[in-house]
Amino acid sequence: VYVYSSAAGAQRLFAQVAGKQALTCLAQSFLGADPSSQVAFTAVKQQTLRAPKVNGKANAYRVVGRAIVSAQKVTVYVDVVLILRGGSISARSYAGFSAAPAANLEARIARTASNRL
């Protein structure tokens, strides 16, 4: 959670960072894995998700990737929900292997988080 001195300041930052560039940053995080790791990650798909209804404003993104180790490949899903409420911005991330995180669970967590901001 990031808290700003004013709601207007938080809104300006949210408008700047919570757009498509957030999705690009998330996808690039796949490529920034530790090079000494025995697991290689690649991003294969990026998408904007329908944001959950929260007390405030939310944007949601998903990156689908592949984790490759030895002869095994696993599909990896990483979702991020960014929430703006008042002078606060919260980022919630969810990951799943072989299946995407459940949207209803993400929505419940996002709603709880927004109510606590």
Protein backbone atom coordinates (compact mmCIF):
# COMPACT_ATOMS: atom_id res chain seq x y z
CA VAL A 1 0.00 0.00 0.00
CA TYR A 2 1.28 3.43 -0.96
CA VAL A 3 -0.16 6.44 0.88
CA TYR A 4 0.08 9.93 -0.62
CA SER A 5 -0.32 13.34 0.97
CA SER A 6 -3.50 14.00 -1.00
CA ALA A 7 -6.17 12.14 -2.92
CA ALA A 8 -5.36 14.30 -5.96
CA GLY A 9 -1.71 13.20 -5.83
CA ALA A 10 -2.69 9.55 -5.61
CA GLN A 11 -5.12 9.99 -8.52
CA ARG A 12 -2.43 11.58 -10.70
CA LEU A 13 0.03 8.78 -9.99
CA PHE A 14 -2.63 6.10 -10.53
CA ALA A 15 -3.49 7.65 -13.91
CA GLN A 16 0.21 7.58 -14.86
CA VAL A 17 1.20 4.09 -13.68
CA ALA A 18 -1.98 2.03 -13.64
CA GLY A 19 -2.49 2.03 -17.40
CA LYS A 20 -1.00 -0.14 -20.12
CA GLN A 21 2.52 0.52 -18.87
CA ALA A 22 1.66 -1.47 -15.73
CA LEU A 23 0.93 -4.45 -17.96
CA THR A 24 4.24 -3.99 -19.80
CA CYS A 25 6.10 -3.78 -16.47
CA LEU A 26 4.40 -6.95 -15.24
CA ALA A 27 5.36 -8.81 -18.43
CA GLN A 28 8.95 -7.62 -18.15
CA SER A 29 9.13 -8.97 -14.62
CA PHE A 30 8.93 -12.45 -16.14
CA LEU A 31 12.10 -11.73 -18.06
CA GLY A 32 13.88 -10.32 -15.02
CA ALA A 33 14.23 -13.69 -13.29
CA ASP A 34 17.54 -14.57 -11.63
CA PRO A 35 19.90 -15.67 -14.44
CA SER A 36 21.55 -18.20 -12.12
CA SER A 37 18.18 -19.89 -11.59
CA GLN A 38 17.55 -23.26 -13.19
CA VAL A 39 14.08 -22.08 -14.20
CA ALA A 40 13.60 -19.97 -17.34
CA PHE A 41 10.51 -17.76 -17.60
CA THR A 42 9.02 -16.35 -20.77
CA ALA A 43 5.95 -14.16 -21.16
CA VAL A 44 3.64 -15.40 -23.92
CA LYS A 45 0.49 -13.29 -23.50
CA GLN A 46 -0.52 -10.00 -21.87
CA GLN A 47 -4.07 -8.89 -21.28
CA THR A 48 -6.21 -6.37 -19.45
CA LEU A 49 -8.77 -8.05 -17.21
CA ARG A 50 -12.17 -6.84 -16.13
CA ALA A 51 -11.39 -5.07 -12.87
CA PRO A 52 -13.32 -6.21 -9.81
CA LYS A 53 -15.88 -3.84 -8.33
CA VAL A 54 -14.25 -2.21 -5.34
CA ASN A 55 -14.73 0.74 -3.04
CA GLY A 56 -12.67 3.05 -5.24
CA LYS A 57 -11.13 2.53 -8.68
CA ALA A 58 -9.37 -0.62 -9.89
CA ASN A 59 -7.44 -1.84 -12.92
CA ALA A 60 -6.52 -5.48 -13.46
CA TYR A 61 -3.96 -7.19 -15.67
CA ARG A 62 -2.76 -10.71 -16.47
CA VAL A 63 0.43 -12.07 -17.93
CA VAL A 64 0.54 -15.68 -19.06
CA GLY A 65 3.97 -17.19 -19.26
CA ARG A 66 5.94 -20.38 -19.32
CA ALA A 67 8.27 -21.71 -16.68
CA ILE A 68 10.76 -24.15 -18.17
CA VAL A 69 12.99 -26.38 -16.07
CA SER A 70 14.83 -29.41 -17.41
CA ALA A 71 12.35 -31.09 -19.75
CA GLN A 72 9.23 -29.72 -18.06
CA LYS A 73 7.13 -26.73 -19.18
CA VAL A 74 4.45 -25.25 -16.97
CA THR A 75 2.03 -22.46 -17.82
CA VAL A 76 2.16 -19.67 -15.25
CA TYR A 77 -0.49 -17.00 -14.70
CA VAL A 78 0.23 -13.75 -12.85
CA ASP A 79 -2.56 -11.26 -12.20
CA VAL A 80 -2.21 -7.82 -10.66
CA VAL A 81 -5.06 -5.67 -9.38
CA LEU A 82 -4.24 -2.01 -8.70
CA ILE A 83 -6.69 -0.21 -6.40
CA LEU A 84 -7.06 3.53 -5.82
CA ARG A 85 -9.07 4.84 -2.91
CA GLY A 86 -8.66 8.31 -1.52
CA GLY A 87 -4.96 9.03 -1.04
CA SER A 88 -3.91 5.37 -1.18
CA ILE A 89 -2.93 2.94 -3.92
CA SER A 90 -2.76 -0.79 -3.28
CA ALA A 91 -1.30 -3.49 -5.52
CA ARG A 92 -2.50 -7.07 -5.14
CA SER A 93 -0.83 -9.89 -7.06
CA TYR A 94 -1.98 -13.45 -7.61
CA ALA A 95 -0.26 -16.37 -9.30
CA GLY A 96 -1.35 -19.75 -10.53
CA PHE A 97 0.36 -22.68 -12.19
CA SER A 98 -1.46 -24.58 -14.94
CA ALA A 99 -4.66 -22.61 -14.17
CA ALA A 100 -5.42 -18.93 -13.78
CA PRO A 101 -6.25 -17.62 -10.31
CA ALA A 102 -9.98 -17.72 -9.57
CA ALA A 103 -11.60 -14.39 -10.50
CA ASN A 104 -14.13 -14.57 -7.66
CA LEU A 105 -11.34 -15.03 -5.09
CA GLU A 106 -9.38 -12.10 -6.56
CA ALA A 107 -12.52 -9.95 -6.43
CA ARG A 108 -13.23 -10.79 -2.78
CA ILE A 109 -9.66 -9.99 -1.76
CA ALA A 110 -9.67 -6.75 -3.79
CA ARG A 111 -12.96 -5.63 -2.21
CA THR A 112 -11.63 -6.39 1.29
CA ALA A 113 -8.40 -4.51 0.55
CA SER A 114 -10.24 -1.47 -0.84
CA ASN A 115 -12.50 -1.32 2.21
CA ARG A 116 -9.43 -1.23 4.46
CA LEU A 117 -7.69 1.62 2.61
